Structure formats: structure tokens, C-alpha cells
């Protein structure tokens, strides 16, 4: 059985859970991180020395695999269970997917993280409007770019759902779920259409329908 460690409130854990559900895998998730603790224990740090979530433990004996880093875990699960479908066969498509997954982790996520922490995890009286504005101003052009990309395709790589849709979709879930009462979010019709299609996927249940915390 696949074992997943991490609280579902974490965007990175949501990626892994969604991927496992999309693949129809039998898995067990153990709450870890945040108020659940666990990550500072020696047992957990043997899985992930960074003391962060998620981490996975998959298989037994010589075939046992332990991994951390959410996008790497998504790639591993898709390569193992969905070669040629969620994990593209063609190198051009595979690395197109890799590019968008890295973009989510290194560009889109850092841009929006401050607004998320301010609006969701900071008491109203302690919020910093300048930090929020800077994060919003950094994030909006990236979603505009994503909207242009999705204007000519149904999913991130074309007409078929792939591993690339999972991390970027989780990022859209987080941004669209923010209580953005202090400004009017632009309309990104292609992103909204794509995200709407993702939300109704069976594999996304219990992930893209969750409120942020």
C-alpha cells in the first residue's frame, strides 16, 4: 500500500492525494505537519529530513521507495501507474509537463504565497495590505499568462489530462479560494473553464472542493 504523510490543508499534500485518487490507488494518509506534529520525530525525518510534508513510502523490500517533494512524488506515481497517459511518452510532451510543474513550484507558488498567508492564516488586525498588494500584483500577470496558454487547449498539454494539471490546478484552487474582499479579481475565462473541468473530476473530490485553512 502507498503511505502518504501530510495534512490535507497543505497544497503540496493535496497534489499527492489528488494524484493517487486520479490513479485509483489504494493508499493510507497519516496526518502530519502543522497542528498534527509528527514531522519533528526521528521516525518521520528518516522519510523526509527536511521535516516538511508530504512524504511517501511505497512498496516493500528492494522495491520500496520513499520520496519527498510533492511534484517529484506526482511524477513518480504517474510514471509508475500511468505511463503514456498521465505521464507522457513523448519527450517533448513529458518535458512540457515538467516545465509547467516546475513553473508552479518556482514561480506561481512563491508569487501567491504571501497573499494566502495574509488572508487565510493571519488575523485581520495583523494583516499587512502592502504585502497583500505586492503578492496580488505578482500573481495576476502569471494567471493572465496561464489564461493565454489555455486559450488553445483543454488541459495544460492539450486535449488530455496529464500530471501537469495537478500542481497548477492545486495552485488555482488556492488562489480562487482566497477571501479576496479587498480587490476585484480579473476574469480569466480560460483558466476558470479549465479549473471548472478539474473540479468535477472524480479524483479531485476531497481536494479541490475543500475550503482553505
N, C-alpha and C. Protein backbone atom coordinates (compact mmCIF):
# COMPACT_ATOMS: atom_id res chain seq x y z
N UNK A 1 0.84 -1.20 0.00
CA UNK A 1 0.00 0.00 0.00
C UNK A 1 0.87 1.25 0.00
N UNK A 2 0.38 2.28 -0.65
CA UNK A 2 1.04 3.57 -0.65
C UNK A 2 0.69 4.31 0.65
N UNK A 3 1.70 4.78 1.35
CA UNK A 3 1.50 5.57 2.55
C UNK A 3 1.88 7.01 2.27
N UNK A 4 0.98 7.93 2.61
CA UNK A 4 1.19 9.36 2.40
C UNK A 4 1.16 10.04 3.77
N UNK A 5 2.16 10.85 4.06
CA UNK A 5 2.16 11.63 5.29
C UNK A 5 1.92 13.09 4.94
N UNK A 6 0.98 13.70 5.65
CA UNK A 6 0.75 15.13 5.48
C UNK A 6 -0.70 15.51 5.69
N UNK A 7 -0.89 16.70 6.20
CA UNK A 7 -2.23 17.25 6.42
C UNK A 7 -2.80 17.74 5.09
N UNK A 8 -4.08 17.54 4.87
CA UNK A 8 -4.71 17.88 3.60
C UNK A 8 -4.81 19.39 3.40
N UNK A 9 -4.63 20.18 4.46
CA UNK A 9 -4.64 21.63 4.31
C UNK A 9 -3.41 22.15 3.56
N UNK A 10 -2.40 21.31 3.41
CA UNK A 10 -1.19 21.69 2.68
C UNK A 10 -1.41 21.52 1.18
N UNK A 11 -1.09 22.55 0.41
CA UNK A 11 -1.23 22.47 -1.04
C UNK A 11 -0.39 21.33 -1.60
N UNK A 12 0.77 21.09 -1.01
CA UNK A 12 1.65 20.06 -1.54
C UNK A 12 1.13 18.66 -1.24
N UNK A 13 0.46 18.49 -0.11
CA UNK A 13 -0.17 17.21 0.18
C UNK A 13 -1.38 17.01 -0.72
N UNK A 14 -2.12 18.07 -0.98
CA UNK A 14 -3.28 17.96 -1.87
C UNK A 14 -2.88 17.44 -3.25
N UNK A 15 -1.74 17.88 -3.75
CA UNK A 15 -1.27 17.39 -5.05
C UNK A 15 -1.14 15.87 -5.04
N UNK A 16 -0.50 15.35 -4.00
CA UNK A 16 -0.21 13.92 -3.93
C UNK A 16 -1.49 13.11 -3.75
N UNK A 17 -2.39 13.59 -2.89
CA UNK A 17 -3.65 12.89 -2.67
C UNK A 17 -4.48 12.88 -3.95
N UNK A 18 -4.58 14.01 -4.61
CA UNK A 18 -5.33 14.08 -5.87
C UNK A 18 -4.74 13.11 -6.89
N UNK A 19 -3.41 13.10 -7.02
CA UNK A 19 -2.76 12.21 -7.97
C UNK A 19 -3.08 10.76 -7.66
N UNK A 20 -2.97 10.37 -6.39
CA UNK A 20 -3.26 8.99 -6.00
C UNK A 20 -4.71 8.62 -6.31
N UNK A 21 -5.62 9.54 -6.04
CA UNK A 21 -7.03 9.28 -6.32
C UNK A 21 -7.29 9.22 -7.82
N UNK A 22 -6.63 10.08 -8.57
CA UNK A 22 -6.78 10.08 -10.03
C UNK A 22 -6.33 8.75 -10.61
N UNK A 23 -5.32 8.17 -10.01
CA UNK A 23 -4.78 6.90 -10.48
C UNK A 23 -5.53 5.70 -9.92
N UNK A 24 -6.47 5.94 -9.01
CA UNK A 24 -7.23 4.85 -8.42
C UNK A 24 -6.42 3.99 -7.47
N UNK A 25 -5.43 4.58 -6.80
CA UNK A 25 -4.55 3.81 -5.93
C UNK A 25 -5.16 3.61 -4.54
N UNK A 26 -4.82 2.50 -3.95
CA UNK A 26 -5.16 2.22 -2.56
C UNK A 26 -4.08 2.86 -1.72
N UNK A 27 -4.45 3.80 -0.85
CA UNK A 27 -3.43 4.48 -0.05
C UNK A 27 -3.97 4.80 1.33
N UNK A 28 -3.03 5.04 2.22
CA UNK A 28 -3.34 5.47 3.58
C UNK A 28 -2.65 6.80 3.82
N UNK A 29 -3.40 7.77 4.34
CA UNK A 29 -2.79 9.07 4.64
C UNK A 29 -2.74 9.27 6.15
N UNK A 30 -1.59 9.66 6.63
CA UNK A 30 -1.38 9.94 8.04
C UNK A 30 -1.24 11.43 8.24
N UNK A 31 -2.04 12.01 9.13
CA UNK A 31 -1.95 13.43 9.40
C UNK A 31 -0.56 13.77 9.93
N UNK A 32 0.04 14.80 9.38
CA UNK A 32 1.37 15.23 9.82
C UNK A 32 1.56 16.67 9.42
N UNK A 33 2.38 17.38 10.19
CA UNK A 33 2.65 18.78 9.91
C UNK A 33 1.65 19.68 10.60
N UNK A 34 2.01 20.94 10.79
CA UNK A 34 1.10 21.89 11.43
C UNK A 34 0.73 21.43 12.82
N UNK A 35 -0.56 21.52 13.15
CA UNK A 35 -1.03 21.18 14.49
C UNK A 35 -0.91 19.69 14.80
N UNK A 36 -0.68 18.87 13.77
CA UNK A 36 -0.58 17.43 13.98
C UNK A 36 0.83 17.00 14.43
N UNK A 37 1.81 17.86 14.24
CA UNK A 37 3.17 17.49 14.62
C UNK A 37 3.71 16.39 13.73
N UNK A 38 4.35 15.41 14.32
CA UNK A 38 4.91 14.22 13.67
C UNK A 38 6.22 14.52 12.93
N UNK A 39 6.28 15.65 12.20
CA UNK A 39 7.40 15.89 11.30
C UNK A 39 8.73 16.09 12.03
N UNK A 40 8.69 16.37 13.33
CA UNK A 40 9.93 16.56 14.08
C UNK A 40 10.44 15.26 14.71
N UNK A 41 9.71 14.18 14.52
CA UNK A 41 10.14 12.92 15.12
C UNK A 41 11.25 12.28 14.29
N UNK A 42 12.13 11.53 14.94
CA UNK A 42 13.19 10.85 14.19
C UNK A 42 12.64 9.89 13.14
N UNK A 43 11.51 9.25 13.46
CA UNK A 43 10.92 8.30 12.52
C UNK A 43 10.51 9.00 11.24
N UNK A 44 9.87 10.16 11.38
CA UNK A 44 9.44 10.88 10.18
C UNK A 44 10.65 11.43 9.41
N UNK A 45 11.61 11.95 10.13
CA UNK A 45 12.75 12.56 9.45
C UNK A 45 13.63 11.54 8.73
N UNK A 46 13.43 10.27 9.02
CA UNK A 46 14.08 9.25 8.20
C UNK A 46 13.42 9.19 6.83
N UNK A 47 12.14 9.58 6.75
CA UNK A 47 11.45 9.67 5.47
C UNK A 47 11.74 10.98 4.77
N UNK A 48 11.70 12.07 5.55
CA UNK A 48 11.92 13.39 4.98
C UNK A 48 12.77 14.21 5.95
N UNK A 49 14.07 14.29 5.72
CA UNK A 49 14.96 15.01 6.63
C UNK A 49 14.70 16.51 6.69
N UNK A 50 13.89 17.01 5.75
CA UNK A 50 13.52 18.43 5.77
C UNK A 50 12.46 18.73 6.82
N UNK A 51 11.83 17.68 7.39
CA UNK A 51 10.76 17.83 8.38
C UNK A 51 9.58 18.62 7.79
N UNK A 52 9.29 18.37 6.53
CA UNK A 52 8.16 19.01 5.85
C UNK A 52 7.24 17.92 5.30
N UNK A 53 6.05 18.32 4.89
CA UNK A 53 5.13 17.40 4.22
C UNK A 53 4.97 17.83 2.78
N UNK A 54 4.69 16.85 1.90
CA UNK A 54 4.42 15.45 2.15
C UNK A 54 5.68 14.59 2.09
N UNK A 55 5.47 13.32 2.46
CA UNK A 55 6.43 12.25 2.20
C UNK A 55 5.62 11.01 1.89
N UNK A 56 6.20 10.12 1.12
CA UNK A 56 5.51 8.86 0.82
C UNK A 56 6.44 7.69 1.08
N UNK A 57 5.82 6.55 1.32
CA UNK A 57 6.51 5.27 1.48
C UNK A 57 5.70 4.30 0.63
N UNK A 58 6.34 3.73 -0.39
CA UNK A 58 5.60 2.91 -1.35
C UNK A 58 6.35 1.61 -1.60
N UNK A 59 5.65 0.50 -1.50
CA UNK A 59 6.25 -0.79 -1.80
C UNK A 59 6.97 -1.40 -0.61
N UNK A 60 7.61 -2.55 -0.87
CA UNK A 60 8.28 -3.30 0.18
C UNK A 60 9.63 -3.81 -0.31
N UNK A 61 10.48 -4.16 0.63
CA UNK A 61 11.76 -4.79 0.31
C UNK A 61 12.62 -3.96 -0.61
N UNK A 62 13.23 -4.60 -1.59
CA UNK A 62 14.13 -3.91 -2.51
C UNK A 62 13.38 -2.93 -3.41
N UNK A 63 12.07 -3.11 -3.54
CA UNK A 63 11.28 -2.23 -4.39
C UNK A 63 10.66 -1.07 -3.61
N UNK A 64 10.97 -0.97 -2.33
CA UNK A 64 10.41 0.10 -1.52
C UNK A 64 10.99 1.44 -1.95
N UNK A 65 10.11 2.43 -2.07
CA UNK A 65 10.51 3.78 -2.46
C UNK A 65 10.00 4.76 -1.41
N UNK A 66 10.89 5.59 -0.89
CA UNK A 66 10.47 6.71 -0.04
C UNK A 66 10.87 7.99 -0.76
N UNK A 67 9.96 8.95 -0.78
CA UNK A 67 10.19 10.19 -1.51
C UNK A 67 9.62 11.38 -0.74
N UNK A 68 10.23 12.53 -0.93
CA UNK A 68 9.65 13.80 -0.55
C UNK A 68 9.78 14.73 -1.74
N UNK A 69 9.18 15.91 -1.67
CA UNK A 69 8.99 16.88 -2.75
C UNK A 69 7.74 16.49 -3.55
N UNK A 70 6.72 17.31 -3.41
CA UNK A 70 5.39 16.96 -3.94
C UNK A 70 5.36 16.72 -5.44
N UNK A 71 5.99 17.59 -6.21
CA UNK A 71 5.93 17.40 -7.67
C UNK A 71 6.69 16.16 -8.11
N UNK A 72 7.76 15.84 -7.41
CA UNK A 72 8.50 14.62 -7.71
C UNK A 72 7.64 13.40 -7.41
N UNK A 73 6.91 13.45 -6.31
CA UNK A 73 6.02 12.34 -5.96
C UNK A 73 4.95 12.16 -7.02
N UNK A 74 4.38 13.26 -7.50
CA UNK A 74 3.38 13.18 -8.57
C UNK A 74 3.99 12.54 -9.82
N UNK A 75 5.19 12.94 -10.18
CA UNK A 75 5.85 12.36 -11.35
C UNK A 75 6.08 10.86 -11.16
N UNK A 76 6.56 10.50 -10.00
CA UNK A 76 6.83 9.09 -9.71
C UNK A 76 5.57 8.25 -9.81
N UNK A 77 4.49 8.69 -9.18
CA UNK A 77 3.26 7.91 -9.20
C UNK A 77 2.70 7.79 -10.61
N UNK A 78 2.77 8.88 -11.37
CA UNK A 78 2.26 8.83 -12.75
C UNK A 78 3.14 7.95 -13.63
N UNK A 79 4.45 8.00 -13.43
CA UNK A 79 5.35 7.15 -14.22
C UNK A 79 5.13 5.68 -13.89
N UNK A 80 4.89 5.38 -12.63
CA UNK A 80 4.71 4.00 -12.21
C UNK A 80 3.37 3.43 -12.66
N UNK A 81 2.32 4.24 -12.60
CA UNK A 81 0.97 3.71 -12.80
C UNK A 81 0.27 4.21 -14.06
N UNK A 82 0.84 5.19 -14.74
CA UNK A 82 0.12 5.76 -15.87
C UNK A 82 1.06 6.21 -16.98
N UNK A 83 2.05 5.39 -17.28
CA UNK A 83 2.99 5.70 -18.35
C UNK A 83 2.24 5.81 -19.67
N UNK A 84 2.48 6.90 -20.37
CA UNK A 84 1.82 7.11 -21.66
C UNK A 84 0.47 7.79 -21.56
N UNK A 85 -0.01 8.00 -20.33
CA UNK A 85 -1.28 8.70 -20.17
C UNK A 85 -1.03 9.94 -19.32
N UNK A 86 -1.08 9.82 -17.99
CA UNK A 86 -0.77 10.99 -17.16
C UNK A 86 0.71 11.35 -17.26
N UNK A 87 1.56 10.35 -17.47
CA UNK A 87 2.99 10.58 -17.66
C UNK A 87 3.28 10.38 -19.14
N UNK A 88 3.49 11.46 -19.89
CA UNK A 88 3.59 11.34 -21.35
C UNK A 88 4.78 10.51 -21.81
N UNK A 89 4.57 9.78 -22.92
CA UNK A 89 5.65 9.00 -23.54
C UNK A 89 6.62 9.89 -24.31
N UNK A 90 6.07 10.79 -25.11
CA UNK A 90 6.91 11.64 -25.95
C UNK A 90 7.74 12.58 -25.09
N UNK A 91 9.04 12.66 -25.38
CA UNK A 91 9.89 13.54 -24.61
C UNK A 91 9.43 14.99 -24.68
N UNK A 92 8.99 15.43 -25.85
CA UNK A 92 8.54 16.82 -25.98
C UNK A 92 7.36 17.11 -25.07
N UNK A 93 6.43 16.17 -24.96
CA UNK A 93 5.27 16.35 -24.10
C UNK A 93 5.66 16.18 -22.63
N UNK A 94 6.52 15.22 -22.36
CA UNK A 94 6.93 14.98 -20.97
C UNK A 94 7.60 16.21 -20.38
N UNK A 95 8.49 16.81 -21.15
CA UNK A 95 9.21 17.94 -20.59
C UNK A 95 8.41 19.23 -20.67
N UNK A 96 7.39 19.26 -21.50
CA UNK A 96 6.43 20.36 -21.44
C UNK A 96 5.68 20.27 -20.11
N UNK A 97 5.27 19.05 -19.74
CA UNK A 97 4.62 18.86 -18.44
C UNK A 97 5.56 19.22 -17.30
N UNK A 98 6.80 18.77 -17.38
CA UNK A 98 7.79 19.08 -16.34
C UNK A 98 7.97 20.59 -16.20
N UNK A 99 8.01 21.28 -17.33
CA UNK A 99 8.20 22.73 -17.30
C UNK A 99 7.09 23.42 -16.52
N UNK A 100 5.83 23.05 -16.80
CA UNK A 100 4.71 23.69 -16.12
C UNK A 100 4.68 23.31 -14.64
N UNK A 101 5.07 22.08 -14.32
CA UNK A 101 5.13 21.68 -12.92
C UNK A 101 6.19 22.48 -12.16
N UNK A 102 7.34 22.69 -12.79
CA UNK A 102 8.38 23.50 -12.16
C UNK A 102 7.95 24.96 -12.06
N UNK A 103 7.26 25.44 -13.07
CA UNK A 103 6.75 26.82 -13.04
C UNK A 103 5.82 27.03 -11.86
N UNK A 104 4.96 26.06 -11.62
CA UNK A 104 4.06 26.16 -10.46
C UNK A 104 4.87 26.29 -9.17
N UNK A 105 5.88 25.46 -9.04
CA UNK A 105 6.61 25.40 -7.78
C UNK A 105 7.55 26.58 -7.59
N UNK A 106 8.17 27.05 -8.67
CA UNK A 106 9.21 28.07 -8.54
C UNK A 106 8.76 29.48 -8.86
N UNK A 107 7.62 29.64 -9.55
CA UNK A 107 7.18 30.95 -9.98
C UNK A 107 5.79 31.31 -9.45
N UNK A 108 4.79 30.48 -9.78
CA UNK A 108 3.42 30.82 -9.39
C UNK A 108 3.22 30.71 -7.88
N UNK A 109 3.72 29.65 -7.28
CA UNK A 109 3.53 29.47 -5.84
C UNK A 109 4.19 30.57 -5.01
N UNK A 110 5.45 30.91 -5.27
CA UNK A 110 6.06 31.99 -4.48
C UNK A 110 5.34 33.33 -4.65
N UNK A 111 4.81 33.58 -5.83
CA UNK A 111 4.12 34.85 -6.06
C UNK A 111 2.87 34.97 -5.19
N UNK A 112 2.11 33.90 -5.08
CA UNK A 112 0.84 33.98 -4.37
C UNK A 112 0.88 33.61 -2.91
N UNK A 113 2.00 33.08 -2.44
CA UNK A 113 2.05 32.56 -1.07
C UNK A 113 1.82 33.63 -0.01
N UNK A 114 2.34 34.81 -0.21
CA UNK A 114 2.19 35.86 0.81
C UNK A 114 0.73 36.27 0.97
N UNK A 115 0.02 36.41 -0.14
CA UNK A 115 -1.41 36.75 -0.05
C UNK A 115 -2.18 35.64 0.65
N UNK A 116 -1.85 34.40 0.35
CA UNK A 116 -2.50 33.28 1.02
C UNK A 116 -2.27 33.34 2.52
N UNK A 117 -1.03 33.51 2.93
CA UNK A 117 -0.73 33.53 4.37
C UNK A 117 -1.40 34.71 5.07
N UNK A 118 -1.44 35.85 4.37
CA UNK A 118 -2.07 37.03 4.97
C UNK A 118 -3.57 36.85 5.09
N UNK A 119 -4.24 36.42 4.04
CA UNK A 119 -5.70 36.34 4.03
C UNK A 119 -6.24 35.14 4.80
N UNK A 120 -5.50 34.05 4.84
CA UNK A 120 -6.03 32.82 5.43
C UNK A 120 -5.43 32.53 6.80
N UNK A 121 -4.17 32.79 6.99
CA UNK A 121 -3.50 32.36 8.22
C UNK A 121 -3.04 33.50 9.12
N UNK A 122 -3.45 34.73 8.81
CA UNK A 122 -3.10 35.88 9.63
C UNK A 122 -4.38 36.54 10.12
N UNK A 123 -4.52 36.81 11.41
CA UNK A 123 -5.71 37.50 11.91
C UNK A 123 -5.88 38.84 11.21
N UNK A 124 -7.13 39.25 10.95
CA UNK A 124 -7.37 40.50 10.20
C UNK A 124 -6.61 41.71 10.74
N UNK A 125 -6.56 41.85 12.03
CA UNK A 125 -5.90 43.03 12.62
C UNK A 125 -4.40 43.04 12.38
N UNK A 126 -3.83 41.90 12.04
CA UNK A 126 -2.38 41.81 11.84
C UNK A 126 -1.97 41.77 10.37
N UNK A 127 -2.92 41.85 9.48
CA UNK A 127 -2.60 41.75 8.06
C UNK A 127 -1.90 43.01 7.56
N UNK A 128 -1.04 42.82 6.59
CA UNK A 128 -0.28 43.92 6.01
C UNK A 128 -0.75 44.15 4.58
N UNK A 129 -1.51 45.23 4.33
CA UNK A 129 -2.04 45.48 2.99
C UNK A 129 -0.96 45.58 1.92
N UNK A 130 0.21 46.09 2.28
CA UNK A 130 1.29 46.22 1.30
C UNK A 130 1.81 44.86 0.86
N UNK A 131 1.90 43.93 1.80
CA UNK A 131 2.35 42.56 1.46
C UNK A 131 1.33 41.90 0.55
N UNK A 132 0.05 42.09 0.87
CA UNK A 132 -1.02 41.51 0.05
C UNK A 132 -0.98 42.09 -1.35
N UNK A 133 -0.87 43.40 -1.46
CA UNK A 133 -0.86 44.05 -2.77
C UNK A 133 0.32 43.59 -3.61
N UNK A 134 1.48 43.46 -3.00
CA UNK A 134 2.66 43.01 -3.73
C UNK A 134 2.45 41.60 -4.26
N UNK A 135 1.87 40.74 -3.45
CA UNK A 135 1.62 39.35 -3.86
C UNK A 135 0.59 39.30 -4.98
N UNK A 136 -0.47 40.07 -4.84
CA UNK A 136 -1.51 40.11 -5.88
C UNK A 136 -0.92 40.61 -7.19
N UNK A 137 -0.13 41.66 -7.12
CA UNK A 137 0.45 42.24 -8.34
C UNK A 137 1.44 41.29 -9.01
N UNK A 138 2.07 40.43 -8.23
CA UNK A 138 2.99 39.44 -8.81
C UNK A 138 2.23 38.27 -9.41
N UNK A 139 1.08 37.93 -8.82
CA UNK A 139 0.36 36.73 -9.22
C UNK A 139 -0.54 36.96 -10.43
N UNK A 140 -1.19 38.09 -10.50
CA UNK A 140 -2.16 38.32 -11.58
C UNK A 140 -1.57 38.17 -12.98
N UNK A 141 -0.38 38.70 -13.27
CA UNK A 141 0.18 38.51 -14.61
C UNK A 141 0.45 37.03 -14.92
N UNK A 142 0.76 36.25 -13.91
CA UNK A 142 1.02 34.83 -14.14
C UNK A 142 -0.26 34.08 -14.50
N UNK A 143 -1.36 34.41 -13.85
CA UNK A 143 -2.63 33.79 -14.23
C UNK A 143 -3.08 34.29 -15.60
N UNK A 144 -2.75 35.53 -15.94
CA UNK A 144 -3.06 36.02 -17.29
C UNK A 144 -2.28 35.23 -18.33
N UNK A 145 -1.03 34.92 -18.03
CA UNK A 145 -0.22 34.11 -18.93
C UNK A 145 -0.80 32.71 -19.05
N UNK A 146 -1.21 32.13 -17.91
CA UNK A 146 -1.84 30.81 -17.93
C UNK A 146 -3.13 30.84 -18.73
N UNK A 147 -3.88 31.91 -18.61
CA UNK A 147 -5.13 32.04 -19.36
C UNK A 147 -4.86 32.04 -20.86
N UNK A 148 -3.83 32.75 -21.28
CA UNK A 148 -3.47 32.76 -22.70
C UNK A 148 -3.05 31.37 -23.17
N UNK A 149 -2.31 30.67 -22.34
CA UNK A 149 -1.88 29.31 -22.68
C UNK A 149 -3.08 28.39 -22.86
N UNK A 150 -4.07 28.51 -21.98
CA UNK A 150 -5.23 27.63 -22.02
C UNK A 150 -6.27 28.05 -23.05
N UNK A 151 -6.03 29.14 -23.74
CA UNK A 151 -6.99 29.60 -24.75
C UNK A 151 -7.02 28.68 -25.97
N UNK A 152 -5.99 27.87 -26.15
CA UNK A 152 -5.91 27.00 -27.33
C UNK A 152 -5.88 25.52 -26.98
N UNK A 153 -6.16 25.18 -25.73
CA UNK A 153 -6.10 23.78 -25.31
C UNK A 153 -7.05 23.55 -24.14
N UNK A 154 -7.50 22.31 -24.01
CA UNK A 154 -8.43 21.96 -22.94
C UNK A 154 -7.72 21.80 -21.61
N UNK A 155 -6.56 21.14 -21.63
CA UNK A 155 -5.76 20.94 -20.43
C UNK A 155 -4.37 21.52 -20.65
N UNK A 156 -3.49 21.38 -19.68
CA UNK A 156 -2.19 22.04 -19.76
C UNK A 156 -1.39 21.62 -20.98
N UNK A 157 -1.50 20.35 -21.39
CA UNK A 157 -0.72 19.87 -22.53
C UNK A 157 -1.53 19.73 -23.81
N UNK A 158 -2.83 19.88 -23.73
CA UNK A 158 -3.65 19.71 -24.93
C UNK A 158 -5.03 19.22 -24.60
N UNK A 159 -5.44 18.13 -25.22
CA UNK A 159 -6.80 17.64 -25.04
C UNK A 159 -6.94 16.60 -23.95
N UNK A 160 -5.81 16.20 -23.33
CA UNK A 160 -5.86 15.14 -22.33
C UNK A 160 -5.26 15.61 -21.01
N UNK A 161 -5.88 15.21 -19.91
CA UNK A 161 -5.40 15.49 -18.57
C UNK A 161 -4.07 14.75 -18.36
N UNK A 162 -3.09 15.44 -17.81
CA UNK A 162 -1.79 14.85 -17.51
C UNK A 162 -1.32 15.30 -16.13
N UNK A 163 -0.14 14.83 -15.76
CA UNK A 163 0.43 15.19 -14.46
C UNK A 163 0.62 16.70 -14.32
N UNK A 164 0.76 17.42 -15.42
CA UNK A 164 0.97 18.87 -15.34
C UNK A 164 -0.23 19.59 -14.77
N UNK A 165 -1.43 19.04 -14.96
CA UNK A 165 -2.64 19.72 -14.49
C UNK A 165 -2.76 19.69 -12.97
N UNK A 166 -2.12 18.73 -12.32
CA UNK A 166 -2.32 18.56 -10.88
C UNK A 166 -1.69 19.69 -10.06
N UNK A 167 -0.40 19.97 -10.18
CA UNK A 167 0.16 21.07 -9.38
C UNK A 167 -0.43 22.44 -9.73
N UNK A 168 -0.59 22.70 -11.02
CA UNK A 168 -1.12 24.00 -11.43
C UNK A 168 -2.59 24.12 -10.99
N UNK A 169 -3.33 23.01 -11.08
CA UNK A 169 -4.71 23.02 -10.62
C UNK A 169 -4.82 23.28 -9.13
N UNK A 170 -3.92 22.71 -8.35
CA UNK A 170 -3.94 22.97 -6.90
C UNK A 170 -3.62 24.43 -6.60
N UNK A 171 -2.76 25.02 -7.40
CA UNK A 171 -2.45 26.44 -7.21
C UNK A 171 -3.66 27.31 -7.55
N UNK A 172 -4.38 26.96 -8.61
CA UNK A 172 -5.60 27.70 -8.96
C UNK A 172 -6.64 27.56 -7.86
N UNK A 173 -6.77 26.36 -7.30
CA UNK A 173 -7.70 26.13 -6.20
C UNK A 173 -7.37 27.06 -5.03
N UNK A 174 -6.12 27.21 -4.73
CA UNK A 174 -5.74 28.06 -3.61
C UNK A 174 -6.02 29.54 -3.92
N UNK A 175 -5.68 29.98 -5.12
CA UNK A 175 -5.88 31.40 -5.43
C UNK A 175 -7.36 31.75 -5.53
N UNK A 176 -8.14 30.89 -6.17
CA UNK A 176 -9.56 31.17 -6.30
C UNK A 176 -10.30 31.04 -4.98
N UNK A 177 -9.72 30.31 -4.03
CA UNK A 177 -10.36 30.12 -2.74
C UNK A 177 -10.06 31.20 -1.72
N UNK A 178 -9.19 32.14 -2.06
CA UNK A 178 -8.84 33.19 -1.11
C UNK A 178 -10.00 34.15 -0.91
N UNK A 179 -10.19 34.65 0.30
CA UNK A 179 -11.25 35.63 0.57
C UNK A 179 -10.82 37.02 0.11
N UNK A 180 -10.78 37.19 -1.19
CA UNK A 180 -10.20 38.41 -1.77
C UNK A 180 -11.24 39.53 -1.75
N UNK A 181 -11.50 40.05 -0.56
CA UNK A 181 -12.54 41.07 -0.39
C UNK A 181 -12.03 42.48 -0.66
N UNK A 182 -10.73 42.61 -0.76
CA UNK A 182 -10.16 43.96 -0.86
C UNK A 182 -9.83 44.37 -2.29
N UNK A 183 -10.08 43.49 -3.24
CA UNK A 183 -9.88 43.87 -4.64
C UNK A 183 -10.72 42.96 -5.52
N UNK A 184 -10.94 43.40 -6.74
CA UNK A 184 -11.72 42.60 -7.69
C UNK A 184 -10.77 41.80 -8.55
N UNK A 185 -10.90 40.49 -8.49
CA UNK A 185 -10.03 39.63 -9.28
C UNK A 185 -10.38 39.74 -10.75
N UNK A 186 -9.39 39.82 -11.62
CA UNK A 186 -9.68 39.84 -13.06
C UNK A 186 -10.40 38.56 -13.49
N UNK A 187 -11.07 38.64 -14.60
CA UNK A 187 -11.71 37.46 -15.17
C UNK A 187 -10.73 36.78 -16.12
N UNK A 188 -10.46 35.53 -15.85
CA UNK A 188 -9.60 34.71 -16.71
C UNK A 188 -10.47 33.57 -17.23
N UNK A 189 -11.19 33.76 -18.32
CA UNK A 189 -12.20 32.79 -18.74
C UNK A 189 -11.65 31.40 -19.03
N UNK A 190 -10.46 31.34 -19.59
CA UNK A 190 -9.90 30.02 -19.94
C UNK A 190 -9.42 29.27 -18.70
N UNK A 191 -8.84 30.00 -17.77
CA UNK A 191 -8.44 29.37 -16.50
C UNK A 191 -9.67 28.89 -15.75
N UNK A 192 -10.71 29.71 -15.73
CA UNK A 192 -11.91 29.34 -14.99
C UNK A 192 -12.62 28.14 -15.63
N UNK A 193 -12.63 28.08 -16.94
CA UNK A 193 -13.22 26.93 -17.63
C UNK A 193 -12.42 25.68 -17.33
N UNK A 194 -11.11 25.76 -17.43
CA UNK A 194 -10.22 24.62 -17.14
C UNK A 194 -10.35 24.18 -15.70
N UNK A 195 -10.34 25.13 -14.76
CA UNK A 195 -10.45 24.78 -13.36
C UNK A 195 -11.81 24.16 -13.04
N UNK A 196 -12.85 24.65 -13.69
CA UNK A 196 -14.17 24.04 -13.52
C UNK A 196 -14.18 22.59 -13.96
N UNK A 197 -13.48 22.29 -15.06
CA UNK A 197 -13.39 20.90 -15.53
C UNK A 197 -12.61 20.03 -14.54
N UNK A 198 -11.57 20.60 -13.94
CA UNK A 198 -10.78 19.85 -12.97
C UNK A 198 -11.60 19.52 -11.72
N UNK A 199 -12.38 20.47 -11.26
CA UNK A 199 -13.12 20.31 -10.00
C UNK A 199 -14.13 19.18 -10.06
N UNK A 200 -14.64 18.86 -11.24
CA UNK A 200 -15.66 17.81 -11.32
C UNK A 200 -15.07 16.43 -11.59
N UNK A 201 -13.76 16.34 -11.69
CA UNK A 201 -13.13 15.04 -11.86
C UNK A 201 -13.28 14.23 -10.56
N UNK A 202 -13.54 12.95 -10.70
CA UNK A 202 -13.71 12.10 -9.52
C UNK A 202 -12.47 12.11 -8.64
N UNK A 203 -11.30 12.14 -9.26
CA UNK A 203 -10.05 12.13 -8.49
C UNK A 203 -9.82 13.37 -7.66
N UNK A 204 -10.50 14.45 -8.01
CA UNK A 204 -10.30 15.72 -7.31
C UNK A 204 -11.22 15.88 -6.11
N UNK A 205 -12.12 14.93 -5.89
CA UNK A 205 -13.02 15.04 -4.74
C UNK A 205 -12.25 14.94 -3.43
N UNK A 206 -12.62 15.80 -2.52
CA UNK A 206 -11.89 15.84 -1.25
C UNK A 206 -10.60 16.61 -1.35
N UNK A 207 -10.35 17.26 -2.49
CA UNK A 207 -9.15 18.07 -2.69
C UNK A 207 -9.55 19.46 -3.20
N UNK A 208 -10.08 19.52 -4.41
CA UNK A 208 -10.42 20.82 -5.00
C UNK A 208 -11.75 21.37 -4.49
N UNK A 209 -12.48 20.59 -3.69
CA UNK A 209 -13.72 21.08 -3.10
C UNK A 209 -13.54 21.49 -1.64
N UNK A 210 -12.30 21.52 -1.15
CA UNK A 210 -12.03 21.89 0.23
C UNK A 210 -11.87 23.40 0.39
N UNK A 211 -12.32 23.90 1.53
CA UNK A 211 -12.02 25.28 1.89
C UNK A 211 -10.57 25.38 2.34
N UNK A 212 -9.99 26.56 2.20
CA UNK A 212 -8.60 26.75 2.61
C UNK A 212 -8.52 26.92 4.12
N UNK A 213 -7.41 26.49 4.66
CA UNK A 213 -7.16 26.72 6.09
C UNK A 213 -5.67 26.79 6.33
